[in-house]
Amino acid sequence: MYKSFIEKKPVGMDAKSIASGLAPPFAGTLSYELCQKYVENIVLVSDEEIKSAFSQLYKAGLTEPSGTAAFSAVTDDKIPDINGKDLVVILSGGNIGKDELRNFPD
């Protein structure tokens, strides 16, 4: 979706990520249109940042890698001007197999 925002149309790309739910092969037309209407900004986080955030949240039994991206963006200071503001981070998912867990720090 980030690339689609730059190109101002839905585009595809060959993305690989530890957060597979956030790396589809293309942005759908409806999703793109809804994001154009309702999303103010898109922030990118790296797989390493997601791994770090996921390790913190998984220990508490809260989420899976794709559901950790927003938390990662906050903890890695990628969201400007949030000091003193109320903030909600939605944690979602639980869709991770034990074989995938070996990709994360303890």
PDB file of N, CA and C in Angstrom:
ATOM      1  N   MET A   1       0.828  -1.188   0.000  1.00  0.00           N
ATOM      2  CA  MET A   1       0.000   0.000   0.000  1.00  0.00           C
ATOM      3  C   MET A   1       0.875   1.256   0.000  1.00  0.00           C
ATOM      4  N   TYR A   2       1.998   1.198   0.691  1.00  0.00           N
ATOM      5  CA  TYR A   2       2.916   2.335   0.721  1.00  0.00           C
ATOM      6  C   TYR A   2       3.332   2.717  -0.698  1.00  0.00           C
ATOM      7  N   LYS A   3       3.744   1.731  -1.463  1.00  0.00           N
ATOM      8  CA  LYS A   3       4.162   1.981  -2.848  1.00  0.00           C
ATOM      9  C   LYS A   3       2.976   2.467  -3.687  1.00  0.00           C
ATOM     10  N   SER A   4       1.801   1.939  -3.445  1.00  0.00           N
ATOM     11  CA  SER A   4       0.604   2.384  -4.164  1.00  0.00           C
ATOM     12  C   SER A   4       0.305   3.847  -3.872  1.00  0.00           C
ATOM     13  N   PHE A   5       0.509   4.285  -2.630  1.00  0.00           N
ATOM     14  CA  PHE A   5       0.297   5.696  -2.297  1.00  0.00           C
ATOM     15  C   PHE A   5       1.269   6.580  -3.079  1.00  0.00           C
ATOM     16  N   ILE A   6       2.502   6.131  -3.212  1.00  0.00           N
ATOM     17  CA  ILE A   6       3.501   6.900  -3.954  1.00  0.00           C
ATOM     18  C   ILE A   6       3.131   6.984  -5.431  1.00  0.00           C
ATOM     19  N   GLU A   7       2.707   5.854  -6.004  1.00  0.00           N
ATOM     20  CA  GLU A   7       2.383   5.801  -7.433  1.00  0.00           C
ATOM     21  C   GLU A   7       0.951   6.243  -7.744  1.00  0.00           C
ATOM     22  N   LYS A   8       0.181   6.498  -6.693  1.00  0.00           N
ATOM     23  CA  LYS A   8      -1.203   6.980  -6.824  1.00  0.00           C
ATOM     24  C   LYS A   8      -2.111   6.017  -7.611  1.00  0.00           C
ATOM     25  N   LYS A   9      -1.858   4.735  -7.427  1.00  0.00           N
ATOM     26  CA  LYS A   9      -2.698   3.679  -8.012  1.00  0.00           C
ATOM     27  C   LYS A   9      -2.321   2.359  -7.345  1.00  0.00           C
ATOM     28  N   PRO A  10      -3.214   1.383  -7.343  1.00  0.00           N
ATOM     29  CA  PRO A  10      -2.859   0.084  -6.776  1.00  0.00           C
ATOM     30  C   PRO A  10      -1.741  -0.561  -7.592  1.00  0.00           C
ATOM     31  N   VAL A  11      -0.712  -1.026  -6.925  1.00  0.00           N
ATOM     32  CA  VAL A  11       0.402  -1.690  -7.605  1.00  0.00           C
ATOM     33  C   VAL A  11       0.740  -2.994  -6.908  1.00  0.00           C
ATOM     34  N   GLY A  12       1.453  -3.818  -7.608  1.00  0.00           N
ATOM     35  CA  GLY A  12       1.932  -5.078  -7.055  1.00  0.00           C
ATOM     36  C   GLY A  12       3.416  -4.990  -6.775  1.00  0.00           C
ATOM     37  N   MET A  13       3.897  -5.906  -5.978  1.00  0.00           N
ATOM     38  CA  MET A  13       5.331  -5.994  -5.721  1.00  0.00           C
ATOM     39  C   MET A  13       5.655  -7.342  -5.112  1.00  0.00           C
ATOM     40  N   ASP A  14       6.877  -7.740  -5.253  1.00  0.00           N
ATOM     41  CA  ASP A  14       7.333  -9.003  -4.696  1.00  0.00           C
ATOM     42  C   ASP A  14       7.954  -8.727  -3.331  1.00  0.00           C
ATOM     43  N   ALA A  15       7.127  -8.710  -2.311  1.00  0.00           N
ATOM     44  CA  ALA A  15       7.600  -8.380  -0.965  1.00  0.00           C
ATOM     45  C   ALA A  15       7.713  -9.639  -0.117  1.00  0.00           C
ATOM     46  N   LYS A  16       8.770  -9.724   0.631  1.00  0.00           N
ATOM     47  CA  LYS A  16       8.963 -10.791   1.603  1.00  0.00           C
ATOM     48  C   LYS A  16       9.105 -10.127   2.959  1.00  0.00           C
ATOM     49  N   SER A  17       8.419 -10.680   3.952  1.00  0.00           N
ATOM     50  CA  SER A  17       8.476 -10.092   5.282  1.00  0.00           C
ATOM     51  C   SER A  17       8.190 -11.151   6.332  1.00  0.00           C
ATOM     52  N   ILE A  18       8.730 -10.927   7.498  1.00  0.00           N
ATOM     53  CA  ILE A  18       8.424 -11.769   8.653  1.00  0.00           C
ATOM     54  C   ILE A  18       6.946 -11.629   9.004  1.00  0.00           C
ATOM     55  N   ALA A  19       6.349 -10.498   8.617  1.00  0.00           N
ATOM     56  CA  ALA A  19       4.925 -10.222   8.824  1.00  0.00           C
ATOM     57  C   ALA A  19       4.194 -10.503   7.505  1.00  0.00           C
ATOM     58  N   SER A  20       4.025 -11.763   7.194  1.00  0.00           N
ATOM     59  CA  SER A  20       3.470 -12.157   5.891  1.00  0.00           C
ATOM     60  C   SER A  20       2.087 -11.570   5.628  1.00  0.00           C
ATOM     61  N   GLY A  21       1.329 -11.317   6.663  1.00  0.00           N
ATOM     62  CA  GLY A  21       0.003 -10.729   6.496  1.00  0.00           C
ATOM     63  C   GLY A  21       0.043  -9.300   5.990  1.00  0.00           C
ATOM     64  N   LEU A  22       1.216  -8.678   6.043  1.00  0.00           N
ATOM     65  CA  LEU A  22       1.370  -7.306   5.568  1.00  0.00           C
ATOM     66  C   LEU A  22       2.136  -7.243   4.249  1.00  0.00           C
ATOM     67  N   ALA A  23       2.342  -8.380   3.616  1.00  0.00           N
ATOM     68  CA  ALA A  23       3.133  -8.405   2.380  1.00  0.00           C
ATOM     69  C   ALA A  23       2.395  -9.142   1.261  1.00  0.00           C
ATOM     70  N   PRO A  24       1.182  -8.709   0.935  1.00  0.00           N
ATOM     71  CA  PRO A  24       0.473  -9.365  -0.162  1.00  0.00           C
ATOM     72  C   PRO A  24       1.145  -9.010  -1.494  1.00  0.00           C
ATOM     73  N   PRO A  25       0.859  -9.755  -2.549  1.00  0.00           N
ATOM     74  CA  PRO A  25       1.520  -9.493  -3.836  1.00  0.00           C
ATOM     75  C   PRO A  25       1.064  -8.203  -4.522  1.00  0.00           C
ATOM     76  N   PHE A  26      -0.066  -7.651  -4.111  1.00  0.00           N
ATOM     77  CA  PHE A  26      -0.554  -6.412  -4.725  1.00  0.00           C
ATOM     78  C   PHE A  26      -1.551  -5.737  -3.790  1.00  0.00           C
ATOM     79  N   ALA A  27      -1.772  -4.463  -4.039  1.00  0.00           N
ATOM     80  CA  ALA A  27      -2.799  -3.720  -3.309  1.00  0.00           C
ATOM     81  C   ALA A  27      -4.103  -3.858  -4.085  1.00  0.00           C
ATOM     82  N   GLY A  28      -5.139  -4.298  -3.422  1.00  0.00           N
ATOM     83  CA  GLY A  28      -6.436  -4.424  -4.072  1.00  0.00           C
ATOM     84  C   GLY A  28      -7.060  -3.062  -4.353  1.00  0.00           C
ATOM     85  N   THR A  29      -7.871  -3.002  -5.372  1.00  0.00           N
ATOM     86  CA  THR A  29      -8.495  -1.741  -5.762  1.00  0.00           C
ATOM     87  C   THR A  29      -9.352  -1.163  -4.638  1.00  0.00           C
ATOM     88  N   LEU A  30     -10.215  -1.988  -4.042  1.00  0.00           N
ATOM     89  CA  LEU A  30     -11.082  -1.494  -2.969  1.00  0.00           C
ATOM     90  C   LEU A  30     -10.252  -1.061  -1.765  1.00  0.00           C
ATOM     91  N   SER A  31      -9.271  -1.870  -1.379  1.00  0.00           N
ATOM     92  CA  SER A  31      -8.412  -1.496  -0.243  1.00  0.00           C
ATOM     93  C   SER A  31      -7.697  -0.192  -0.510  1.00  0.00           C
ATOM     94  N   TYR A  32      -7.185  -0.041  -1.722  1.00  0.00           N
ATOM     95  CA  TYR A  32      -6.496   1.197  -2.084  1.00  0.00           C
ATOM     96  C   TYR A  32      -7.449   2.396  -1.986  1.00  0.00           C
ATOM     97  N   GLU A  33      -8.644   2.258  -2.520  1.00  0.00           N
ATOM     98  CA  GLU A  33      -9.617   3.353  -2.482  1.00  0.00           C
ATOM     99  C   GLU A  33      -9.985   3.727  -1.048  1.00  0.00           C
ATOM    100  N   LEU A  34     -10.172   2.730  -0.200  1.00  0.00           N
ATOM    101  CA  LEU A  34     -10.500   3.006   1.206  1.00  0.00           C
ATOM    102  C   LEU A  34      -9.335   3.681   1.921  1.00  0.00           C
ATOM    103  N   CYS A  35      -8.136   3.224   1.643  1.00  0.00           N
ATOM    104  CA  CYS A  35      -6.964   3.854   2.265  1.00  0.00           C
ATOM    105  C   CYS A  35      -6.801   5.287   1.782  1.00  0.00           C
ATOM    106  N   GLN A  36      -7.034   5.541   0.503  1.00  0.00           N
ATOM    107  CA  GLN A  36      -6.953   6.907  -0.015  1.00  0.00           C
ATOM    108  C   GLN A  36      -7.936   7.810   0.718  1.00  0.00           C
ATOM    109  N   LYS A  37      -9.091   7.268   1.041  1.00  0.00           N
ATOM    110  CA  LYS A  37     -10.135   8.054   1.694  1.00  0.00           C
ATOM    111  C   LYS A  37      -9.873   8.255   3.197  1.00  0.00           C
ATOM    112  N   TYR A  38      -9.378   7.210   3.874  1.00  0.00           N
ATOM    113  CA  TYR A  38      -9.334   7.249   5.334  1.00  0.00           C
ATOM    114  C   TYR A  38      -7.939   7.266   5.972  1.00  0.00           C
ATOM    115  N   VAL A  39      -6.899   6.967   5.223  1.00  0.00           N
ATOM    116  CA  VAL A  39      -5.561   6.875   5.814  1.00  0.00           C
ATOM    117  C   VAL A  39      -4.785   8.158   5.555  1.00  0.00           C
ATOM    118  N   GLU A  40      -4.285   8.737   6.615  1.00  0.00           N
ATOM    119  CA  GLU A  40      -3.536   9.990   6.503  1.00  0.00           C
ATOM    120  C   GLU A  40      -2.073   9.750   6.145  1.00  0.00           C
ATOM    121  N   ASN A  41      -1.478   8.692   6.707  1.00  0.00           N
ATOM    122  CA  ASN A  41      -0.056   8.446   6.508  1.00  0.00           C
ATOM    123  C   ASN A  41       0.237   6.964   6.694  1.00  0.00           C
ATOM    124  N   ILE A  42       1.207   6.462   5.975  1.00  0.00           N
ATOM    125  CA  ILE A  42       1.672   5.085   6.130  1.00  0.00           C
ATOM    126  C   ILE A  42       3.119   5.142   6.588  1.00  0.00           C
ATOM    127  N   VAL A  43       3.435   4.377   7.622  1.00  0.00           N
ATOM    128  CA  VAL A  43       4.787   4.326   8.172  1.00  0.00           C
ATOM    129  C   VAL A  43       5.338   2.928   7.950  1.00  0.00           C
ATOM    130  N   LEU A  44       6.564   2.848   7.459  1.00  0.00           N
ATOM    131  CA  LEU A  44       7.196   1.554   7.249  1.00  0.00           C
ATOM    132  C   LEU A  44       8.028   1.165   8.459  1.00  0.00           C
ATOM    133  N   VAL A  45       7.978  -0.113   8.816  1.00  0.00           N
ATOM    134  CA  VAL A  45       8.839  -0.661   9.857  1.00  0.00           C
ATOM    135  C   VAL A  45       9.583  -1.846   9.260  1.00  0.00           C
ATOM    136  N   SER A  46      10.790  -2.062   9.733  1.00  0.00           N
ATOM    137  CA  SER A  46      11.616  -3.149   9.210  1.00  0.00           C
ATOM    138  C   SER A  46      11.267  -4.473   9.886  1.00  0.00           C
ATOM    139  N   ASP A  47      11.691  -5.556   9.262  1.00  0.00           N
ATOM    140  CA  ASP A  47      11.504  -6.864   9.876  1.00  0.00           C
ATOM    141  C   ASP A  47      12.207  -6.928  11.232  1.00  0.00           C
ATOM    142  N   GLU A  48      13.376  -6.315  11.355  1.00  0.00           N
ATOM    143  CA  GLU A  48      14.095  -6.326  12.633  1.00  0.00           C
ATOM    144  C   GLU A  48      13.304  -5.593  13.714  1.00  0.00           C
ATOM    145  N   GLU A  49      12.682  -4.491  13.362  1.00  0.00           N
ATOM    146  CA  GLU A  49      11.871  -3.753  14.329  1.00  0.00           C
ATOM    147  C   GLU A  49      10.637  -4.565  14.725  1.00  0.00           C
ATOM    148  N   ILE A  50      10.035  -5.235  13.766  1.00  0.00           N
ATOM    149  CA  ILE A  50       8.884  -6.089  14.068  1.00  0.00           C
ATOM    150  C   ILE A  50       9.308  -7.249  14.959  1.00  0.00           C
ATOM    151  N   LYS A  51      10.447  -7.861  14.675  1.00  0.00           N
ATOM    152  CA  LYS A  51      10.938  -8.974  15.501  1.00  0.00           C
ATOM    153  C   LYS A  51      11.108  -8.538  16.948  1.00  0.00           C
ATOM    154  N   SER A  52      11.700  -7.390  17.153  1.00  0.00           N
ATOM    155  CA  SER A  52      11.928  -6.892  18.509  1.00  0.00           C
ATOM    156  C   SER A  52      10.602  -6.645  19.234  1.00  0.00           C
ATOM    157  N   ALA A  53       9.687  -5.959  18.568  1.00  0.00           N
ATOM    158  CA  ALA A  53       8.382  -5.673  19.176  1.00  0.00           C
ATOM    159  C   ALA A  53       7.609  -6.963  19.421  1.00  0.00           C
ATOM    160  N   PHE A  54       7.654  -7.876  18.463  1.00  0.00           N
ATOM    161  CA  PHE A  54       6.937  -9.140  18.597  1.00  0.00           C
ATOM    162  C   PHE A  54       7.439  -9.918  19.806  1.00  0.00           C
ATOM    163  N   SER A  55       8.746  -9.952  19.986  1.00  0.00           N
ATOM    164  CA  SER A  55       9.299 -10.697  21.122  1.00  0.00           C
ATOM    165  C   SER A  55       8.765 -10.170  22.440  1.00  0.00           C
ATOM    166  N   GLN A  56       8.618  -8.856  22.547  1.00  0.00           N
ATOM    167  CA  GLN A  56       8.063  -8.264  23.774  1.00  0.00           C
ATOM    168  C   GLN A  56       6.603  -8.672  23.972  1.00  0.00           C
ATOM    169  N   LEU A  57       5.818  -8.602  22.911  1.00  0.00           N
ATOM    170  CA  LEU A  57       4.382  -8.854  23.028  1.00  0.00           C
ATOM    171  C   LEU A  57       4.034 -10.335  23.083  1.00  0.00           C
ATOM    172  N   TYR A  58       4.795 -11.168  22.410  1.00  0.00           N
ATOM    173  CA  TYR A  58       4.499 -12.601  22.388  1.00  0.00           C
ATOM    174  C   TYR A  58       4.622 -13.200  23.780  1.00  0.00           C
ATOM    175  N   LYS A  59       5.595 -12.740  24.526  1.00  0.00           N
ATOM    176  CA  LYS A  59       5.781 -13.244  25.894  1.00  0.00           C
ATOM    177  C   LYS A  59       4.539 -13.016  26.742  1.00  0.00           C
ATOM    178  N   ALA A  60       3.795 -11.978  26.406  1.00  0.00           N
ATOM    179  CA  ALA A  60       2.550 -11.680  27.118  1.00  0.00           C
ATOM    180  C   ALA A  60       1.360 -12.375  26.464  1.00  0.00           C
ATOM    181  N   GLY A  61       1.594 -13.129  25.363  1.00  0.00           N
ATOM    182  CA  GLY A  61       0.534 -13.865  24.687  1.00  0.00           C
ATOM    183  C   GLY A  61      -0.406 -12.990  23.886  1.00  0.00           C
ATOM    184  N   LEU A  62       0.098 -11.875  23.357  1.00  0.00           N
ATOM    185  CA  LEU A  62      -0.799 -10.892  22.774  1.00  0.00           C
ATOM    186  C   LEU A  62      -0.985 -10.901  21.265  1.00  0.00           C
ATOM    187  N   THR A  63      -0.015 -11.310  20.472  1.00  0.00           N
ATOM    188  CA  THR A  63      -0.136 -11.026  19.050  1.00  0.00           C
ATOM    189  C   THR A  63       0.740 -11.921  18.196  1.00  0.00           C
ATOM    190  N   GLU A  64       0.743 -11.641  16.906  1.00  0.00           N
ATOM    191  CA  GLU A  64       1.615 -12.308  15.941  1.00  0.00           C
ATOM    192  C   GLU A  64       2.312 -11.211  15.126  1.00  0.00           C
ATOM    193  N   PRO A  65       3.277 -11.550  14.257  1.00  0.00           N
ATOM    194  CA  PRO A  65       4.100 -10.512  13.628  1.00  0.00           C
ATOM    195  C   PRO A  65       3.339  -9.394  12.914  1.00  0.00           C
ATOM    196  N   SER A  66       2.370  -9.690  12.081  1.00  0.00           N
ATOM    197  CA  SER A  66       1.652  -8.626  11.375  1.00  0.00           C
ATOM    198  C   SER A  66       0.913  -7.719  12.349  1.00  0.00           C
ATOM    199  N   GLY A  67       0.391  -8.297  13.419  1.00  0.00           N
ATOM    200  CA  GLY A  67      -0.338  -7.520  14.414  1.00  0.00           C
ATOM    201  C   GLY A  67       0.570  -6.672  15.286  1.00  0.00           C
ATOM    202  N   THR A  68       1.867  -6.828  15.129  1.00  0.00           N
ATOM    203  CA  THR A  68       2.843  -6.111  15.934  1.00  0.00           C
ATOM    204  C   THR A  68       3.352  -4.846  15.250  1.00  0.00           C
ATOM    205  N   ALA A  69       3.082  -4.680  13.979  1.00  0.00           N
ATOM    206  CA  ALA A  69       3.663  -3.590  13.199  1.00  0.00           C
ATOM    207  C   ALA A  69       3.352  -2.212  13.788  1.00  0.00           C
ATOM    208  N   ALA A  70       2.125  -1.957  14.181  1.00  0.00           N
ATOM    209  CA  ALA A  70       1.768  -0.643  14.729  1.00  0.00           C
ATOM    210  C   ALA A  70       2.508  -0.383  16.043  1.00  0.00           C
ATOM    211  N   PHE A  71       2.586  -1.382  16.897  1.00  0.00           N
ATOM    212  CA  PHE A  71       3.330  -1.257  18.153  1.00  0.00           C
ATOM    213  C   PHE A  71       4.797  -0.953  17.859  1.00  0.00           C
ATOM    214  N   SER A  72       5.348  -1.629  16.868  1.00  0.00           N
ATOM    215  CA  SER A  72       6.733  -1.392  16.466  1.00  0.00           C
ATOM    216  C   SER A  72       6.941   0.040  15.995  1.00  0.00           C
ATOM    217  N   ALA A  73       6.010   0.553  15.218  1.00  0.00           N
ATOM    218  CA  ALA A  73       6.120   1.934  14.733  1.00  0.00           C
ATOM    219  C   ALA A  73       6.154   2.933  15.894  1.00  0.00           C
ATOM    220  N   VAL A  74       5.385   2.662  16.933  1.00  0.00           N
ATOM    221  CA  VAL A  74       5.361   3.554  18.101  1.00  0.00           C
ATOM    222  C   VAL A  74       6.644   3.413  18.906  1.00  0.00           C
ATOM    223  N   THR A  75       7.048   2.194  19.210  1.00  0.00           N
ATOM    224  CA  THR A  75       8.231   1.999  20.059  1.00  0.00           C
ATOM    225  C   THR A  75       9.523   2.395  19.362  1.00  0.00           C
ATOM    226  N   ASP A  76       9.528   2.412  18.039  1.00  0.00           N
ATOM    227  CA  ASP A  76      10.718   2.829  17.290  1.00  0.00           C
ATOM    228  C   ASP A  76      10.643   4.292  16.844  1.00  0.00           C
ATOM    229  N   ASP A  77       9.751   5.056  17.480  1.00  0.00           N
ATOM    230  CA  ASP A  77       9.627   6.502  17.240  1.00  0.00           C
ATOM    231  C   ASP A  77       9.413   6.867  15.773  1.00  0.00           C
ATOM    232  N   LYS A  78       8.544   6.116  15.108  1.00  0.00           N
ATOM    233  CA  LYS A  78       8.253   6.398  13.703  1.00  0.00           C
ATOM    234  C   LYS A  78       6.985   7.233  13.523  1.00  0.00           C
ATOM    235  N   ILE A  79       6.280   7.488  14.611  1.00  0.00           N
ATOM    236  CA  ILE A  79       5.061   8.286  14.553  1.00  0.00           C
ATOM    237  C   ILE A  79       5.375   9.655  15.160  1.00  0.00           C
ATOM    238  N   PRO A  80       5.369  10.710  14.348  1.00  0.00           N
ATOM    239  CA  PRO A  80       5.720  12.035  14.884  1.00  0.00           C
ATOM    240  C   PRO A  80       4.602  12.636  15.735  1.00  0.00           C
ATOM    241  N   ASP A  81       5.002  13.514  16.618  1.00  0.00           N
ATOM    242  CA  ASP A  81       4.064  14.349  17.389  1.00  0.00           C
ATOM    243  C   ASP A  81       3.042  13.564  18.201  1.00  0.00           C
ATOM    244  N   ILE A  82       3.473  12.506  18.896  1.00  0.00           N
ATOM    245  CA  ILE A  82       2.502  11.774  19.721  1.00  0.00           C
ATOM    246  C   ILE A  82       2.665  12.066  21.211  1.00  0.00           C
ATOM    247  N   ASN A  83       3.718  12.764  21.583  1.00  0.00           N
ATOM    248  CA  ASN A  83       3.912  13.087  23.002  1.00  0.00           C
ATOM    249  C   ASN A  83       2.739  13.899  23.529  1.00  0.00           C
ATOM    250  N   GLY A  84       2.203  13.457  24.655  1.00  0.00           N
ATOM    251  CA  GLY A  84       1.102  14.156  25.292  1.00  0.00           C
ATOM    252  C   GLY A  84      -0.261  13.881  24.676  1.00  0.00           C
ATOM    253  N   LYS A  85      -0.312  13.010  23.688  1.00  0.00           N
ATOM    254  CA  LYS A  85      -1.587  12.682  23.039  1.00  0.00           C
ATOM    255  C   LYS A  85      -2.047  11.293  23.462  1.00  0.00           C
ATOM    256  N   ASP A  86      -3.357  11.094  23.452  1.00  0.00           N
ATOM    257  CA  ASP A  86      -3.894   9.765  23.690  1.00  0.00           C
ATOM    258  C   ASP A  86      -3.599   8.918  22.462  1.00  0.00           C
ATOM    259  N   LEU A  87      -3.212   7.677  22.674  1.00  0.00           N
ATOM    260  CA  LEU A  87      -2.812   6.808  21.577  1.00  0.00           C
ATOM    261  C   LEU A  87      -3.373   5.415  21.793  1.00  0.00           C
ATOM    262  N   VAL A  88      -3.884   4.831  20.751  1.00  0.00           N
ATOM    263  CA  VAL A  88      -4.378   3.461  20.802  1.00  0.00           C
ATOM    264  C   VAL A  88      -3.640   2.667  19.737  1.00  0.00           C
ATOM    265  N   VAL A  89      -3.075   1.544  20.125  1.00  0.00           N
ATOM    266  CA  VAL A  89      -2.439   0.637  19.179  1.00  0.00           C
ATOM    267  C   VAL A  89      -3.239  -0.655  19.197  1.00  0.00           C
ATOM    268  N   ILE A  90      -3.738  -1.052  18.043  1.00  0.00           N
ATOM    269  CA  ILE A  90      -4.526  -2.277  17.947  1.00  0.00           C
ATOM    270  C   ILE A  90      -3.585  -3.447  17.729  1.00  0.00           C
ATOM    271  N   LEU A  91      -3.629  -4.400  18.661  1.00  0.00           N
ATOM    272  CA  LEU A  91      -2.847  -5.626  18.556  1.00  0.00           C
ATOM    273  C   LEU A  91      -3.788  -6.728  18.092  1.00  0.00           C
ATOM    274  N   SER A  92      -3.393  -7.417  17.043  1.00  0.00           N
ATOM    275  CA  SER A  92      -4.292  -8.427  16.511  1.00  0.00           C
ATOM    276  C   SER A  92      -3.533  -9.690  16.176  1.00  0.00           C
ATOM    277  N   GLY A  93      -4.293 -10.734  15.960  1.00  0.00           N
ATOM    278  CA  GLY A  93      -3.728 -11.985  15.465  1.00  0.00           C
ATOM    279  C   GLY A  93      -3.213 -12.892  16.556  1.00  0.00           C
ATOM    280  N   GLY A  94      -2.850 -14.033  16.137  1.00  0.00           N
ATOM    281  CA  GLY A  94      -2.308 -15.073  16.984  1.00  0.00           C
ATOM    282  C   GLY A  94      -1.915 -16.211  16.076  1.00  0.00           C
ATOM    283  N   ASN A  95      -1.772 -15.842  14.831  1.00  0.00           N
ATOM    284  CA  ASN A  95      -1.568 -16.798  13.754  1.00  0.00           C
ATOM    285  C   ASN A  95      -0.098 -17.042  13.493  1.00  0.00           C
ATOM    286  N   ILE A  96       0.578 -17.760  14.372  1.00  0.00           N
ATOM    287  CA  ILE A  96       1.994 -18.053  14.138  1.00  0.00           C
ATOM    288  C   ILE A  96       2.268 -19.473  14.597  1.00  0.00           C
ATOM    289  N   GLY A  97       2.961 -20.200  13.750  1.00  0.00           N
ATOM    290  CA  GLY A  97       3.305 -21.581  14.071  1.00  0.00           C
ATOM    291  C   GLY A  97       4.611 -21.653  14.843  1.00  0.00           C
ATOM    292  N   LYS A  98       4.789 -22.731  15.556  1.00  0.00           N
ATOM    293  CA  LYS A  98       6.008 -22.904  16.349  1.00  0.00           C
ATOM    294  C   LYS A  98       7.258 -22.888  15.477  1.00  0.00           C
ATOM    295  N   ASP A  99       7.144 -23.377  14.244  1.00  0.00           N
ATOM    296  CA  ASP A  99       8.306 -23.363  13.348  1.00  0.00           C
ATOM    297  C   ASP A  99       8.722 -21.941  12.993  1.00  0.00           C
ATOM    298  N   GLU A 100       7.775 -21.009  12.959  1.00  0.00           N
ATOM    299  CA  GLU A 100       8.094 -19.604  12.655  1.00  0.00           C
ATOM    300  C   GLU A 100       8.756 -18.899  13.826  1.00  0.00           C
ATOM    301  N   LEU A 101       8.534 -19.387  15.033  1.00  0.00           N
ATOM    302  CA  LEU A 101       9.070 -18.730  16.224  1.00  0.00           C
ATOM    303  C   LEU A 101      10.589 -18.738  16.271  1.00  0.00           C
ATOM    304  N   ARG A 102      11.222 -19.658  15.565  1.00  0.00           N
ATOM    305  CA  ARG A 102      12.678 -19.700  15.591  1.00  0.00           C
ATOM    306  C   ARG A 102      13.304 -18.467  14.931  1.00  0.00           C
ATOM    307  N   ASN A 103      12.520 -17.698  14.193  1.00  0.00           N
ATOM    308  CA  ASN A 103      13.012 -16.478  13.544  1.00  0.00           C
ATOM    309  C   ASN A 103      13.086 -15.288  14.491  1.00  0.00           C
ATOM    310  N   PHE A 104      12.702 -15.469  15.744  1.00  0.00           N
ATOM    311  CA  PHE A 104      12.613 -14.357  16.676  1.00  0.00           C
ATOM    312  C   PHE A 104      13.559 -14.542  17.838  1.00  0.00           C
ATOM    313  N   PRO A 105      14.057 -13.409  18.381  1.00  0.00           N
ATOM    314  CA  PRO A 105      14.905 -13.504  19.570  1.00  0.00           C
ATOM    315  C   PRO A 105      14.105 -14.052  20.756  1.00  0.00           C
ATOM    316  N   ASP A 106      14.801 -14.587  21.713  1.00  0.00           N
ATOM    317  CA  ASP A 106      14.118 -15.128  22.907  1.00  0.00           C
ATOM    318  C   ASP A 106      13.394 -14.065  23.667  1.00  0.00           C
TER     319      ASP A 106
END
